[in-house]
Amino acid sequence: MIHLSVVCCGRAVPLLWRVLEHSSATVAFEEYQPVLRRARWLLRHHPDVVLLADRGFANHELMSWLRQSHWHYCLRLPCDVLIHTKRRYPWMVGALYPPLGEARLYENVGLWLDGEHRCNLVVATVQGAKESWAVVTDEPPTLQTLWQYALRFRVEELFLDSKSGAFELEDSRLRSAAALERLYLVAAIALLFATTQGMAVQLAGLRQQVDPHWRRGISYLKIGLRWLQGVIHKGRTLLSCVPLLPNDPQACFASLKTKRDYDDHIWFHRVRSIVCKPGSTLI
């Protein structure tokens, strides 16, 4: 499934998707370009769009398309991508990974063997992370780049909700791409409706009827699903749906420990900034 979603209030909400019968988990740019073109048309009135994507999507074609579409981006790079910095010869990204607890901000690096595509790069080894990160962006490289890219992981929670978390799509056992695409449309509508219902519950001050935490401890999707169960079985009022909230009125933490871990998740004791000029060498 090629999946494009919108990050909203700590979760990802489905926007566009396409199901393919494919022999590999990696798909070519030509396969997902139609999804991007459709998204560009739907978001044409939003001038500040940022695309977040994992290591399998960074390529010449996508980067050129993003530049032509005037979209910003934060893309993670595989460790074997060649990078042109200040040195005479290109380095693999993996050779630039800093020690634990350090981050390096590279401005105006060249990508791949030709080095023609210029962008900015943030490499970091985060406390508690399994791997070092290398994220390229067209915006100024700062620590905010890492926070921005980290929003991509919200889609993993969406996939969990689509499967065992809420909708049990795997239990359908469908093997037809067209049928799966239609089934996911039903799940996406249900997910959107339940999420907006959960937001309406929060705004109405009724959250603690379905979420016993002192502060919000479950997602708006789960709040909405619990409220809808109460509508059916307990005679609760079905609330009017609200638009997806641009700002989260109350962040979600299941416990105080979870909040402390989140606040301390990305921190560094050393940050180094490096400007790379085309044609410069460092011996």
Protein backbone atom coordinates (compact mmCIF):
# COMPACT_ATOMS: atom_id res chain seq x y z
CA MET A 1 0.00 0.00 0.00
CA ILE A 2 1.29 3.42 -1.02
CA HIS A 3 -0.02 5.63 1.75
CA LEU A 4 -0.09 9.40 2.16
CA SER A 5 -1.47 10.83 5.38
CA VAL A 6 -1.75 14.14 7.24
CA VAL A 7 -0.23 14.51 10.71
CA CYS A 8 -2.78 16.03 13.07
CA CYS A 9 -2.76 16.28 16.88
CA GLY A 10 -0.27 13.49 17.44
CA ARG A 11 -1.70 11.02 14.92
CA ALA A 12 -1.77 10.49 11.16
CA VAL A 13 -5.07 10.70 9.28
CA PRO A 14 -5.38 8.99 5.85
CA LEU A 15 -5.43 11.31 2.86
CA LEU A 16 -4.65 9.19 -0.22
CA TRP A 17 -3.61 5.60 -0.81
CA ARG A 18 -3.09 3.06 -3.55
CA VAL A 19 -2.87 -0.74 -3.24
CA LEU A 20 -0.53 -2.59 -5.62
CA GLU A 21 0.26 -6.20 -6.34
CA HIS A 22 4.02 -5.89 -6.07
CA SER A 23 6.90 -8.28 -5.51
CA SER A 24 8.88 -5.89 -3.31
CA ALA A 25 8.22 -3.47 -0.46
CA THR A 26 10.19 -0.84 -2.43
CA VAL A 27 8.30 0.86 -5.26
CA ALA A 28 9.59 3.13 -8.03
CA PHE A 29 8.78 6.84 -8.20
CA GLU A 30 6.50 6.24 -11.20
CA GLU A 31 4.27 4.07 -9.01
CA TYR A 32 3.53 6.71 -6.37
CA GLN A 33 3.84 9.86 -8.48
CA PRO A 34 0.07 9.83 -9.32
CA VAL A 35 -0.69 9.86 -5.58
CA LEU A 36 1.61 12.85 -5.09
CA ARG A 37 0.07 14.72 -8.04
CA ARG A 38 -3.41 14.19 -6.62
CA ALA A 39 -2.25 15.40 -3.19
CA ARG A 40 -0.69 18.48 -4.76
CA TRP A 41 -4.03 19.38 -6.33
CA LEU A 42 -5.97 18.76 -3.11
CA LEU A 43 -3.49 20.87 -1.10
CA ARG A 44 -3.09 23.61 -3.72
CA HIS A 45 -4.47 26.25 -1.33
CA HIS A 46 -1.94 25.32 1.38
CA PRO A 47 1.37 27.03 0.56
CA ASP A 48 3.42 25.45 3.37
CA VAL A 49 3.41 21.68 2.79
CA VAL A 50 6.19 19.46 4.18
CA LEU A 51 6.63 15.90 2.94
CA LEU A 52 8.06 13.42 5.47
CA ALA A 53 9.30 10.06 4.19
CA ASP A 54 11.52 7.19 5.23
CA ARG A 55 14.74 5.91 3.67
CA GLY A 56 13.19 4.14 0.70
CA PHE A 57 11.89 7.33 -0.92
CA ALA A 58 14.93 9.60 -1.29
CA ASN A 59 15.79 9.67 -5.01
CA HIS A 60 16.51 12.10 -7.86
CA GLU A 61 12.99 11.97 -9.28
CA LEU A 62 11.20 12.69 -5.99
CA MET A 63 13.57 15.51 -5.00
CA SER A 64 13.14 17.17 -8.41
CA TRP A 65 9.35 16.81 -8.21
CA LEU A 66 9.27 18.36 -4.73
CA ARG A 67 11.34 21.32 -5.90
CA GLN A 68 9.06 21.91 -8.90
CA SER A 69 5.97 21.61 -6.67
CA HIS A 70 7.37 24.07 -4.08
CA TRP A 71 6.92 21.52 -1.31
CA HIS A 72 9.30 21.38 1.63
CA TYR A 73 10.65 18.03 2.69
CA CYS A 74 12.36 16.04 5.46
CA LEU A 75 13.61 12.75 4.06
CA ARG A 76 15.72 10.19 5.84
CA LEU A 77 18.72 8.84 3.90
CA PRO A 78 20.14 5.30 3.87
CA CYS A 79 23.65 5.01 5.28
CA ASP A 80 25.19 4.22 1.85
CA VAL A 81 24.10 7.42 0.05
CA LEU A 82 27.04 9.49 -1.20
CA ILE A 83 27.31 13.03 0.20
CA HIS A 84 29.52 15.88 -1.04
CA THR A 85 30.67 18.03 1.89
CA LYS A 86 33.85 20.12 2.23
CA ARG A 87 36.17 17.26 1.40
CA ARG A 88 37.66 16.49 -1.98
CA TYR A 89 35.75 13.24 -2.49
CA PRO A 90 32.18 12.23 -1.57
CA TRP A 91 31.55 10.34 1.65
CA MET A 92 28.90 7.79 2.48
CA VAL A 93 26.38 9.17 4.95
CA GLY A 94 27.23 6.43 7.43
CA ALA A 95 30.77 7.81 7.74
CA LEU A 96 29.34 11.15 8.96
CA TYR A 97 27.36 9.75 11.88
CA PRO A 98 28.48 11.53 15.07
CA PRO A 99 29.08 9.91 18.49
CA LEU A 100 26.19 9.30 20.86
CA GLY A 101 24.50 12.51 22.01
CA GLU A 102 25.87 14.67 19.18
CA ALA A 103 24.32 16.30 16.12
CA ARG A 104 25.89 17.87 13.04
CA LEU A 105 24.17 20.37 10.80
CA TYR A 106 25.46 20.50 7.22
CA GLU A 107 24.39 23.33 4.96
CA ASN A 108 24.49 23.07 1.15
CA VAL A 109 25.66 19.46 0.70
CA GLY A 110 25.56 17.63 -2.64
CA LEU A 111 23.68 14.36 -2.97
CA TRP A 112 24.70 11.18 -4.77
CA LEU A 113 27.69 10.65 -7.04
CA ASP A 114 27.18 13.72 -9.25
CA GLY A 115 26.53 16.05 -6.28
CA GLU A 116 24.27 18.25 -8.41
CA HIS A 117 21.29 18.22 -6.06
CA ARG A 118 22.08 20.64 -3.23
CA CYS A 119 20.22 20.57 0.08
CA ASN A 120 20.82 20.63 3.83
CA LEU A 121 21.61 17.66 6.03
CA VAL A 122 21.21 16.86 9.74
CA VAL A 123 22.97 13.79 11.11
CA ALA A 124 22.47 12.80 14.73
CA THR A 125 22.87 9.92 17.13
CA VAL A 126 19.99 10.26 19.57
CA GLN A 127 19.97 8.86 23.09
CA GLY A 128 17.87 5.70 23.15
CA ALA A 129 17.49 5.38 19.35
CA LYS A 130 18.46 2.11 17.66
CA GLU A 131 20.16 3.83 14.72
CA SER A 132 21.68 7.18 13.84
CA TRP A 133 19.57 9.51 11.73
CA ALA A 134 20.50 11.33 8.53
CA VAL A 135 17.74 13.70 7.38
CA VAL A 136 17.88 15.98 4.33
CA THR A 137 15.74 19.09 4.05
CA ASP A 138 15.37 22.15 1.84
CA GLU A 139 14.87 24.34 4.92
CA PRO A 140 17.64 25.62 7.23
CA PRO A 141 19.20 22.68 9.11
CA THR A 142 18.40 22.88 12.83
CA LEU A 143 17.46 20.51 15.62
CA GLN A 144 13.87 21.31 14.70
CA THR A 145 14.49 19.26 11.54
CA LEU A 146 14.74 16.13 13.70
CA TRP A 147 11.52 16.94 15.58
CA GLN A 148 9.83 17.53 12.24
CA TYR A 149 11.00 14.25 10.75
CA ALA A 150 9.98 12.38 13.92
CA LEU A 151 6.36 13.23 13.09
CA ARG A 152 6.62 10.61 10.33
CA PHE A 153 6.37 7.86 12.94
CA ARG A 154 2.76 8.85 13.53
CA VAL A 155 1.88 6.77 10.47
CA GLU A 156 3.06 3.63 12.29
CA GLU A 157 0.35 4.22 14.90
CA LEU A 158 -2.16 4.69 12.07
CA PHE A 159 -1.16 1.33 10.59
CA LEU A 160 -1.57 -0.26 14.03
CA ASP A 161 -5.06 1.23 14.36
CA SER A 162 -5.91 -0.04 10.86
CA LYS A 163 -4.86 -3.55 11.91
CA SER A 164 -5.01 -4.96 15.44
CA GLY A 165 -5.57 -1.59 17.16
CA ALA A 166 -9.11 -1.01 15.93
CA PHE A 167 -10.23 -2.19 12.48
CA GLU A 168 -8.60 -5.65 12.05
CA LEU A 169 -8.00 -5.24 8.31
CA GLU A 170 -5.69 -8.25 8.24
CA ASP A 171 -8.55 -10.49 9.29
CA SER A 172 -10.29 -9.74 5.99
CA ARG A 173 -7.76 -12.08 4.26
CA LEU A 174 -8.39 -10.29 0.98
CA ARG A 175 -5.92 -10.92 -1.84
CA SER A 176 -7.41 -8.55 -4.43
CA ALA A 177 -5.71 -5.14 -4.65
CA ALA A 178 -8.94 -3.48 -5.86
CA ALA A 179 -10.99 -5.00 -3.04
CA LEU A 180 -8.41 -3.99 -0.42
CA GLU A 181 -8.41 -0.44 -1.78
CA ARG A 182 -12.20 -0.23 -1.41
CA LEU A 183 -12.14 -1.81 2.04
CA TYR A 184 -9.55 0.69 3.23
CA LEU A 185 -11.83 3.51 2.04
CA VAL A 186 -14.44 2.27 4.52
CA ALA A 187 -11.83 2.06 7.29
CA ALA A 188 -10.44 5.53 6.45
CA ILE A 189 -13.91 7.13 6.60
CA ALA A 190 -14.60 5.40 9.91
CA LEU A 191 -11.21 6.48 11.27
CA LEU A 192 -11.77 10.10 10.23
CA PHE A 193 -15.30 10.18 11.66
CA ALA A 194 -14.24 8.64 14.97
CA THR A 195 -11.26 11.00 15.25
CA THR A 196 -13.39 14.10 14.70
CA GLN A 197 -15.94 12.73 17.18
CA GLY A 198 -13.14 12.34 19.72
CA MET A 199 -12.05 15.93 19.14
CA ALA A 200 -15.64 17.09 19.62
CA VAL A 201 -15.76 15.18 22.92
CA GLN A 202 -12.55 16.91 24.05
CA LEU A 203 -13.83 20.38 23.11
CA ALA A 204 -17.15 19.72 24.87
CA GLY A 205 -15.33 18.87 28.11
CA LEU A 206 -16.71 15.31 28.17
CA ARG A 207 -13.47 13.39 27.71
CA GLN A 208 -13.29 11.92 31.22
CA GLN A 209 -16.54 10.05 30.61
CA VAL A 210 -14.58 7.73 28.28
CA ASP A 211 -10.94 8.40 29.26
CA PRO A 212 -10.26 8.07 33.01
CA HIS A 213 -6.84 9.78 32.88
CA TRP A 214 -6.52 13.16 34.61
CA ARG A 215 -5.06 14.49 31.37
CA ARG A 216 -5.71 12.93 27.97
CA GLY A 217 -4.19 9.46 27.93
CA ILE A 218 -5.57 7.92 24.72
CA SER A 219 -5.85 9.10 21.12
CA TYR A 220 -8.79 11.07 19.77
CA LEU A 221 -9.61 8.01 17.65
CA LYS A 222 -10.00 5.81 20.74
CA ILE A 223 -11.94 8.56 22.54
CA GLY A 224 -14.28 8.82 19.56
CA LEU A 225 -14.76 5.05 19.28
CA ARG A 226 -15.58 4.77 23.00
CA TRP A 227 -18.02 7.65 22.74
CA LEU A 228 -19.73 6.07 19.72
CA GLN A 229 -20.10 2.81 21.64
CA GLY A 230 -21.82 4.83 24.36
CA VAL A 231 -24.12 6.40 21.77
CA ILE A 232 -25.25 2.91 20.76
CA HIS A 233 -25.40 1.21 24.15
CA LYS A 234 -25.84 4.00 26.74
CA GLY A 235 -27.93 6.62 24.98
CA ARG A 236 -25.19 9.26 24.76
CA THR A 237 -25.70 12.14 22.34
CA LEU A 238 -23.99 11.91 18.95
CA LEU A 239 -21.94 15.09 18.78
CA SER A 240 -21.58 17.26 15.70
CA CYS A 241 -18.31 16.59 13.91
CA VAL A 242 -15.64 19.30 14.05
CA PRO A 243 -12.89 19.97 11.50
CA LEU A 244 -9.52 18.41 12.27
CA LEU A 245 -7.91 20.68 14.84
CA PRO A 246 -4.80 22.58 13.69
CA ASN A 247 -3.45 22.63 17.24
CA ASP A 248 -3.83 19.96 19.90
CA PRO A 249 -5.74 21.38 22.90
CA GLN A 250 -4.23 18.69 25.16
CA ALA A 251 -1.28 16.42 24.34
CA CYS A 252 -1.72 12.70 24.94
CA PHE A 253 0.43 10.93 27.55
CA ALA A 254 -0.57 7.63 29.13
CA SER A 255 1.54 8.34 32.24
CA LEU A 256 3.90 10.88 33.79
CA LYS A 257 6.82 8.62 32.85
CA THR A 258 5.71 8.69 29.21
CA LYS A 259 5.64 12.48 29.29
CA ARG A 260 9.13 12.68 30.84
CA ASP A 261 10.46 10.26 28.22
CA TYR A 262 8.92 12.36 25.45
CA ASP A 263 10.31 15.63 26.79
CA ASP A 264 13.80 14.12 27.08
CA HIS A 265 13.65 12.07 23.88
CA ILE A 266 15.82 14.26 21.64
CA TRP A 267 18.61 16.16 23.38
CA PHE A 268 22.31 16.66 22.65
CA HIS A 269 25.37 17.74 24.57
CA ARG A 270 27.15 18.90 21.40
CA VAL A 271 25.82 20.43 18.18
CA ARG A 272 28.15 21.37 15.33
CA SER A 273 27.23 23.47 12.27
CA ILE A 274 29.13 23.11 8.95
CA VAL A 275 28.68 25.13 5.74
CA CYS A 276 29.67 23.39 2.50
CA LYS A 277 30.35 25.43 -0.64
CA PRO A 278 30.37 23.81 -4.11
CA GLY A 279 33.90 23.30 -5.34
CA SER A 280 35.56 23.81 -1.95
CA THR A 281 37.96 21.20 -0.62
CA LEU A 282 39.25 20.29 2.77
CA ILE A 283 42.41 18.15 2.88
